[in-house]
């Protein structure tokens, strides 16, 4: 979706540093941010499924620390 052939902009070193920091900061605060999810949303998906989904999202956010994450975007 965000690969080079699907966008008009180019990822440069400034972008990488800025977005990497944003993703890392979000990943660090992710569980706290998720505590604001309304109860009815949690109930609709089920606690176990929600936990699995949130772990996947958190894991994807942490991938910003891997070089191969950024190489796909360049």
PDB file of N, CA and C in Angstrom:
ATOM      1  N   UNK A   1       0.813  -1.190   0.000  1.00  0.00           N
ATOM      2  CA  UNK A   1       0.000   0.000   0.000  1.00  0.00           C
ATOM      3  C   UNK A   1       0.861   1.262   0.000  1.00  0.00           C
ATOM      4  N   UNK A   2       1.912   1.297   0.827  1.00  0.00           N
ATOM      5  CA  UNK A   2       2.767   2.470   0.893  1.00  0.00           C
ATOM      6  C   UNK A   2       4.094   2.253   0.180  1.00  0.00           C
ATOM      7  N   UNK A   3       4.196   1.185  -0.599  1.00  0.00           N
ATOM      8  CA  UNK A   3       5.413   0.916  -1.343  1.00  0.00           C
ATOM      9  C   UNK A   3       5.676   2.005  -2.368  1.00  0.00           C
ATOM     10  N   UNK A   4       6.894   2.093  -2.872  1.00  0.00           N
ATOM     11  CA  UNK A   4       7.292   3.159  -3.786  1.00  0.00           C
ATOM     12  C   UNK A   4       6.390   3.327  -5.001  1.00  0.00           C
ATOM     13  N   UNK A   5       5.857   2.252  -5.530  1.00  0.00           N
ATOM     14  CA  UNK A   5       5.025   2.364  -6.731  1.00  0.00           C
ATOM     15  C   UNK A   5       3.621   2.879  -6.438  1.00  0.00           C
ATOM     16  N   UNK A   6       3.251   2.982  -5.168  1.00  0.00           N
ATOM     17  CA  UNK A   6       1.892   3.393  -4.806  1.00  0.00           C
ATOM     18  C   UNK A   6       1.818   4.767  -4.155  1.00  0.00           C
ATOM     19  N   UNK A   7       2.862   5.558  -4.265  1.00  0.00           N
ATOM     20  CA  UNK A   7       2.842   6.884  -3.644  1.00  0.00           C
ATOM     21  C   UNK A   7       3.663   7.867  -4.467  1.00  0.00           C
ATOM     22  N   UNK A   8       3.340   9.149  -4.307  1.00  0.00           N
ATOM     23  CA  UNK A   8       4.040  10.193  -5.050  1.00  0.00           C
ATOM     24  C   UNK A   8       5.248  10.737  -4.290  1.00  0.00           C
ATOM     25  N   UNK A   9       5.332  10.503  -3.000  1.00  0.00           N
ATOM     26  CA  UNK A   9       6.429  11.044  -2.197  1.00  0.00           C
ATOM     27  C   UNK A   9       7.545  10.017  -2.039  1.00  0.00           C
ATOM     28  N   UNK A  10       8.717  10.524  -1.657  1.00  0.00           N
ATOM     29  CA  UNK A  10       9.883   9.671  -1.442  1.00  0.00           C
ATOM     30  C   UNK A  10      10.285   9.735   0.027  1.00  0.00           C
ATOM     31  N   UNK A  11      10.591   8.603   0.595  1.00  0.00           N
ATOM     32  CA  UNK A  11      11.041   8.528   1.984  1.00  0.00           C
ATOM     33  C   UNK A  11      12.501   8.946   2.054  1.00  0.00           C
ATOM     34  N   UNK A  12      12.785   9.961   2.866  1.00  0.00           N
ATOM     35  CA  UNK A  12      14.185  10.342   3.047  1.00  0.00           C
ATOM     36  C   UNK A  12      14.584  10.101   4.498  1.00  0.00           C
ATOM     37  N   UNK A  13      15.821  10.391   4.816  1.00  0.00           N
ATOM     38  CA  UNK A  13      16.334  10.111   6.162  1.00  0.00           C
ATOM     39  C   UNK A  13      15.589  10.903   7.237  1.00  0.00           C
ATOM     40  N   UNK A  14      15.175  12.135   6.915  1.00  0.00           N
ATOM     41  CA  UNK A  14      14.429  12.944   7.885  1.00  0.00           C
ATOM     42  C   UNK A  14      13.088  12.285   8.169  1.00  0.00           C
ATOM     43  N   UNK A  15      12.405  11.850   7.110  1.00  0.00           N
ATOM     44  CA  UNK A  15      11.130  11.150   7.287  1.00  0.00           C
ATOM     45  C   UNK A  15      11.310   9.919   8.159  1.00  0.00           C
ATOM     46  N   UNK A  16      12.328   9.147   7.852  1.00  0.00           N
ATOM     47  CA  UNK A  16      12.557   7.902   8.591  1.00  0.00           C
ATOM     48  C   UNK A  16      12.756   8.178  10.074  1.00  0.00           C
ATOM     49  N   UNK A  17      13.574   9.160  10.401  1.00  0.00           N
ATOM     50  CA  UNK A  17      13.826   9.495  11.805  1.00  0.00           C
ATOM     51  C   UNK A  17      12.544   9.968  12.474  1.00  0.00           C
ATOM     52  N   UNK A  18      11.830  10.868  11.810  1.00  0.00           N
ATOM     53  CA  UNK A  18      10.599  11.416  12.393  1.00  0.00           C
ATOM     54  C   UNK A  18       9.537  10.337  12.587  1.00  0.00           C
ATOM     55  N   UNK A  19       9.266   9.564  11.542  1.00  0.00           N
ATOM     56  CA  UNK A  19       8.217   8.550  11.636  1.00  0.00           C
ATOM     57  C   UNK A  19       8.613   7.389  12.537  1.00  0.00           C
ATOM     58  N   UNK A  20       9.873   7.058  12.552  1.00  0.00           N
ATOM     59  CA  UNK A  20      10.344   6.011  13.445  1.00  0.00           C
ATOM     60  C   UNK A  20      10.113   6.424  14.896  1.00  0.00           C
ATOM     61  N   UNK A  21      10.423   7.664  15.215  1.00  0.00           N
ATOM     62  CA  UNK A  21      10.217   8.155  16.579  1.00  0.00           C
ATOM     63  C   UNK A  21       8.733   8.183  16.932  1.00  0.00           C
ATOM     64  N   UNK A  22       7.900   8.621  16.010  1.00  0.00           N
ATOM     65  CA  UNK A  22       6.451   8.641  16.250  1.00  0.00           C
ATOM     66  C   UNK A  22       5.923   7.234  16.525  1.00  0.00           C
ATOM     67  N   UNK A  23       6.345   6.290  15.700  1.00  0.00           N
ATOM     68  CA  UNK A  23       5.872   4.916  15.874  1.00  0.00           C
ATOM     69  C   UNK A  23       6.383   4.323  17.180  1.00  0.00           C
ATOM     70  N   UNK A  24       7.631   4.582  17.503  1.00  0.00           N
ATOM     71  CA  UNK A  24       8.201   4.064  18.746  1.00  0.00           C
ATOM     72  C   UNK A  24       7.470   4.654  19.952  1.00  0.00           C
ATOM     73  N   UNK A  25       7.236   5.971  19.932  1.00  0.00           N
ATOM     74  CA  UNK A  25       6.513   6.620  21.032  1.00  0.00           C
ATOM     75  C   UNK A  25       5.103   6.060  21.171  1.00  0.00           C
ATOM     76  N   UNK A  26       4.451   5.838  20.052  1.00  0.00           N
ATOM     77  CA  UNK A  26       3.103   5.266  20.077  1.00  0.00           C
ATOM     78  C   UNK A  26       3.135   3.846  20.616  1.00  0.00           C
ATOM     79  N   UNK A  27       4.107   3.060  20.188  1.00  0.00           N
ATOM     80  CA  UNK A  27       4.213   1.673  20.666  1.00  0.00           C
ATOM     81  C   UNK A  27       4.436   1.632  22.175  1.00  0.00           C
ATOM     82  N   UNK A  28       5.257   2.545  22.691  1.00  0.00           N
ATOM     83  CA  UNK A  28       5.508   2.588  24.134  1.00  0.00           C
ATOM     84  C   UNK A  28       4.240   2.916  24.916  1.00  0.00           C
ATOM     85  N   UNK A  29       3.399   3.766  24.355  1.00  0.00           N
ATOM     86  CA  UNK A  29       2.178   4.196  25.038  1.00  0.00           C
ATOM     87  C   UNK A  29       0.950   3.404  24.609  1.00  0.00           C
ATOM     88  N   UNK A  30       1.148   2.441  23.740  1.00  0.00           N
ATOM     89  CA  UNK A  30       0.025   1.769  23.089  1.00  0.00           C
ATOM     90  C   UNK A  30      -0.976   1.183  24.080  1.00  0.00           C
ATOM     91  N   UNK A  31      -0.509   0.427  25.046  1.00  0.00           N
ATOM     92  CA  UNK A  31      -1.427  -0.215  26.008  1.00  0.00           C
ATOM     93  C   UNK A  31      -2.192   0.826  26.822  1.00  0.00           C
ATOM     94  N   UNK A  32      -1.521   1.908  27.190  1.00  0.00           N
ATOM     95  CA  UNK A  32      -2.225   2.981  27.904  1.00  0.00           C
ATOM     96  C   UNK A  32      -3.277   3.630  27.013  1.00  0.00           C
ATOM     97  N   UNK A  33      -2.921   3.856  25.759  1.00  0.00           N
ATOM     98  CA  UNK A  33      -3.876   4.442  24.818  1.00  0.00           C
ATOM     99  C   UNK A  33      -5.085   3.532  24.628  1.00  0.00           C
ATOM    100  N   UNK A  34      -4.844   2.234  24.628  1.00  0.00           N
ATOM    101  CA  UNK A  34      -5.929   1.270  24.425  1.00  0.00           C
ATOM    102  C   UNK A  34      -6.873   1.190  25.618  1.00  0.00           C
ATOM    103  N   UNK A  35      -6.437   1.662  26.757  1.00  0.00           N
ATOM    104  CA  UNK A  35      -7.313   1.619  27.934  1.00  0.00           C
ATOM    105  C   UNK A  35      -8.518   2.539  27.770  1.00  0.00           C
ATOM    106  N   UNK A  36      -8.468   3.431  26.784  1.00  0.00           N
ATOM    107  CA  UNK A  36      -9.590   4.333  26.512  1.00  0.00           C
ATOM    108  C   UNK A  36     -10.600   3.752  25.526  1.00  0.00           C
ATOM    109  N   UNK A  37     -10.375   2.535  25.071  1.00  0.00           N
ATOM    110  CA  UNK A  37     -11.327   1.900  24.152  1.00  0.00           C
ATOM    111  C   UNK A  37     -12.640   1.694  24.905  1.00  0.00           C
ATOM    112  N   UNK A  38     -13.751   2.150  24.331  1.00  0.00           N
ATOM    113  CA  UNK A  38     -15.046   1.997  25.014  1.00  0.00           C
ATOM    114  C   UNK A  38     -15.370   0.527  25.297  1.00  0.00           C
ATOM    115  N   UNK A  39     -15.977   0.280  26.450  1.00  0.00           N
ATOM    116  CA  UNK A  39     -16.323  -1.083  26.856  1.00  0.00           C
ATOM    117  C   UNK A  39     -17.172  -1.802  25.817  1.00  0.00           C
ATOM    118  N   UNK A  40     -18.113  -1.094  25.200  1.00  0.00           N
ATOM    119  CA  UNK A  40     -18.987  -1.758  24.222  1.00  0.00           C
ATOM    120  C   UNK A  40     -18.210  -2.244  23.001  1.00  0.00           C
ATOM    121  N   UNK A  41     -17.126  -1.571  22.643  1.00  0.00           N
ATOM    122  CA  UNK A  41     -16.287  -2.051  21.550  1.00  0.00           C
ATOM    123  C   UNK A  41     -15.582  -3.330  21.970  1.00  0.00           C
ATOM    124  N   UNK A  42     -15.083  -3.347  23.199  1.00  0.00           N
ATOM    125  CA  UNK A  42     -14.388  -4.525  23.718  1.00  0.00           C
ATOM    126  C   UNK A  42     -15.332  -5.718  23.789  1.00  0.00           C
ATOM    127  N   UNK A  43     -16.554  -5.460  24.227  1.00  0.00           N
ATOM    128  CA  UNK A  43     -17.537  -6.534  24.355  1.00  0.00           C
ATOM    129  C   UNK A  43     -17.942  -7.089  22.995  1.00  0.00           C
ATOM    130  N   UNK A  44     -17.987  -6.217  21.985  1.00  0.00           N
ATOM    131  CA  UNK A  44     -18.448  -6.664  20.666  1.00  0.00           C
ATOM    132  C   UNK A  44     -17.469  -7.635  20.003  1.00  0.00           C
ATOM    133  N   UNK A  45     -16.185  -7.496  20.275  1.00  0.00           N
ATOM    134  CA  UNK A  45     -15.181  -8.375  19.661  1.00  0.00           C
ATOM    135  C   UNK A  45     -14.778  -9.511  20.598  1.00  0.00           C
ATOM    136  N   UNK A  46     -14.957  -9.323  21.879  1.00  0.00           N
ATOM    137  CA  UNK A  46     -14.545 -10.328  22.858  1.00  0.00           C
ATOM    138  C   UNK A  46     -13.153 -10.029  23.375  1.00  0.00           C
ATOM    139  N   UNK A  47     -12.955 -10.206  24.653  1.00  0.00           N
ATOM    140  CA  UNK A  47     -11.684  -9.848  25.297  1.00  0.00           C
ATOM    141  C   UNK A  47     -10.488 -10.584  24.699  1.00  0.00           C
ATOM    142  N   UNK A  48     -10.625 -11.881  24.482  1.00  0.00           N
ATOM    143  CA  UNK A  48      -9.501 -12.670  23.959  1.00  0.00           C
ATOM    144  C   UNK A  48      -9.121 -12.219  22.551  1.00  0.00           C
ATOM    145  N   UNK A  49     -10.107 -12.030  21.681  1.00  0.00           N
ATOM    146  CA  UNK A  49      -9.822 -11.583  20.305  1.00  0.00           C
ATOM    147  C   UNK A  49      -9.238 -10.179  20.300  1.00  0.00           C
ATOM    148  N   UNK A  50      -9.757  -9.322  21.189  1.00  0.00           N
ATOM    149  CA  UNK A  50      -9.234  -7.964  21.272  1.00  0.00           C
ATOM    150  C   UNK A  50      -7.772  -7.975  21.712  1.00  0.00           C
ATOM    151  N   UNK A  51      -7.437  -8.779  22.706  1.00  0.00           N
ATOM    152  CA  UNK A  51      -6.049  -8.873  23.165  1.00  0.00           C
ATOM    153  C   UNK A  51      -5.122  -9.334  22.046  1.00  0.00           C
ATOM    154  N   UNK A  52      -5.560 -10.312  21.267  1.00  0.00           N
ATOM    155  CA  UNK A  52      -4.756 -10.803  20.138  1.00  0.00           C
ATOM    156  C   UNK A  52      -4.550  -9.691  19.115  1.00  0.00           C
ATOM    157  N   UNK A  53      -5.611  -8.986  18.790  1.00  0.00           N
ATOM    158  CA  UNK A  53      -5.539  -7.892  17.821  1.00  0.00           C
ATOM    159  C   UNK A  53      -4.607  -6.781  18.307  1.00  0.00           C
ATOM    160  N   UNK A  54      -4.730  -6.406  19.570  1.00  0.00           N
ATOM    161  CA  UNK A  54      -3.883  -5.340  20.113  1.00  0.00           C
ATOM    162  C   UNK A  54      -2.415  -5.756  20.154  1.00  0.00           C
ATOM    163  N   UNK A  55      -2.142  -7.010  20.440  1.00  0.00           N
ATOM    164  CA  UNK A  55      -0.755  -7.497  20.428  1.00  0.00           C
ATOM    165  C   UNK A  55      -0.173  -7.435  19.019  1.00  0.00           C
ATOM    166  N   UNK A  56      -0.981  -7.762  18.009  1.00  0.00           N
ATOM    167  CA  UNK A  56      -0.509  -7.687  16.620  1.00  0.00           C
ATOM    168  C   UNK A  56      -0.205  -6.247  16.228  1.00  0.00           C
ATOM    169  N   UNK A  57      -1.083  -5.334  16.611  1.00  0.00           N
ATOM    170  CA  UNK A  57      -0.865  -3.923  16.294  1.00  0.00           C
ATOM    171  C   UNK A  57       0.398  -3.417  16.982  1.00  0.00           C
ATOM    172  N   UNK A  58       0.540  -3.744  18.253  1.00  0.00           N
ATOM    173  CA  UNK A  58       1.717  -3.326  19.011  1.00  0.00           C
ATOM    174  C   UNK A  58       2.997  -3.894  18.393  1.00  0.00           C
ATOM    175  N   UNK A  59       2.951  -5.142  17.985  1.00  0.00           N
ATOM    176  CA  UNK A  59       4.096  -5.784  17.344  1.00  0.00           C
ATOM    177  C   UNK A  59       4.452  -5.082  16.033  1.00  0.00           C
ATOM    178  N   UNK A  60       3.446  -4.730  15.252  1.00  0.00           N
ATOM    179  CA  UNK A  60       3.692  -4.025  13.992  1.00  0.00           C
ATOM    180  C   UNK A  60       4.302  -2.651  14.234  1.00  0.00           C
ATOM    181  N   UNK A  61       3.838  -1.961  15.259  1.00  0.00           N
ATOM    182  CA  UNK A  61       4.425  -0.661  15.583  1.00  0.00           C
ATOM    183  C   UNK A  61       5.900  -0.798  15.946  1.00  0.00           C
ATOM    184  N   UNK A  62       6.243  -1.839  16.672  1.00  0.00           N
ATOM    185  CA  UNK A  62       7.630  -2.036  17.094  1.00  0.00           C
ATOM    186  C   UNK A  62       8.546  -2.401  15.929  1.00  0.00           C
ATOM    187  N   UNK A  63       7.975  -2.820  14.819  1.00  0.00           N
ATOM    188  CA  UNK A  63       8.787  -3.150  13.643  1.00  0.00           C
ATOM    189  C   UNK A  63       9.511  -1.930  13.087  1.00  0.00           C
ATOM    190  N   UNK A  64       9.107  -0.737  13.503  1.00  0.00           N
ATOM    191  CA  UNK A  64       9.767   0.477  13.010  1.00  0.00           C
ATOM    192  C   UNK A  64      11.243   0.500  13.379  1.00  0.00           C
ATOM    193  N   UNK A  65      11.649  -0.326  14.336  1.00  0.00           N
ATOM    194  CA  UNK A  65      13.053  -0.390  14.744  1.00  0.00           C
ATOM    195  C   UNK A  65      13.885  -1.308  13.852  1.00  0.00           C
ATOM    196  N   UNK A  66      13.255  -1.976  12.904  1.00  0.00           N
ATOM    197  CA  UNK A  66      13.952  -2.908  12.023  1.00  0.00           C
ATOM    198  C   UNK A  66      14.254  -2.247  10.680  1.00  0.00           C
ATOM    199  N   UNK A  67      15.459  -2.437  10.178  1.00  0.00           N
ATOM    200  CA  UNK A  67      15.841  -1.836   8.899  1.00  0.00           C
ATOM    201  C   UNK A  67      14.997  -2.343   7.745  1.00  0.00           C
ATOM    202  N   UNK A  68      14.633  -3.628   7.765  1.00  0.00           N
ATOM    203  CA  UNK A  68      13.859  -4.146   6.630  1.00  0.00           C
ATOM    204  C   UNK A  68      12.459  -3.533   6.571  1.00  0.00           C
ATOM    205  N   UNK A  69      11.951  -3.021   7.676  1.00  0.00           N
ATOM    206  CA  UNK A  69      10.669  -2.313   7.671  1.00  0.00           C
ATOM    207  C   UNK A  69      10.761  -1.093   6.762  1.00  0.00           C
ATOM    208  N   UNK A  70      11.824  -0.330   6.904  1.00  0.00           N
ATOM    209  CA  UNK A  70      11.988   0.897   6.140  1.00  0.00           C
ATOM    210  C   UNK A  70      12.452   0.633   4.712  1.00  0.00           C
ATOM    211  N   UNK A  71      13.192  -0.436   4.487  1.00  0.00           N
ATOM    212  CA  UNK A  71      13.690  -0.703   3.135  1.00  0.00           C
ATOM    213  C   UNK A  71      12.554  -0.981   2.162  1.00  0.00           C
ATOM    214  N   UNK A  72      11.458  -1.523   2.649  1.00  0.00           N
ATOM    215  CA  UNK A  72      10.296  -1.783   1.792  1.00  0.00           C
ATOM    216  C   UNK A  72       9.669  -0.474   1.333  1.00  0.00           C
ATOM    217  N   UNK A  73       9.775   0.564   2.148  1.00  0.00           N
ATOM    218  CA  UNK A  73       9.158   1.851   1.836  1.00  0.00           C
ATOM    219  C   UNK A  73      10.014   2.728   0.940  1.00  0.00           C
ATOM    220  N   UNK A  74      11.303   2.432   0.839  1.00  0.00           N
ATOM    221  CA  UNK A  74      12.191   3.315   0.072  1.00  0.00           C
ATOM    222  C   UNK A  74      12.046   3.130  -1.406  1.00  0.00           C
TER     223      UNK A  74
END
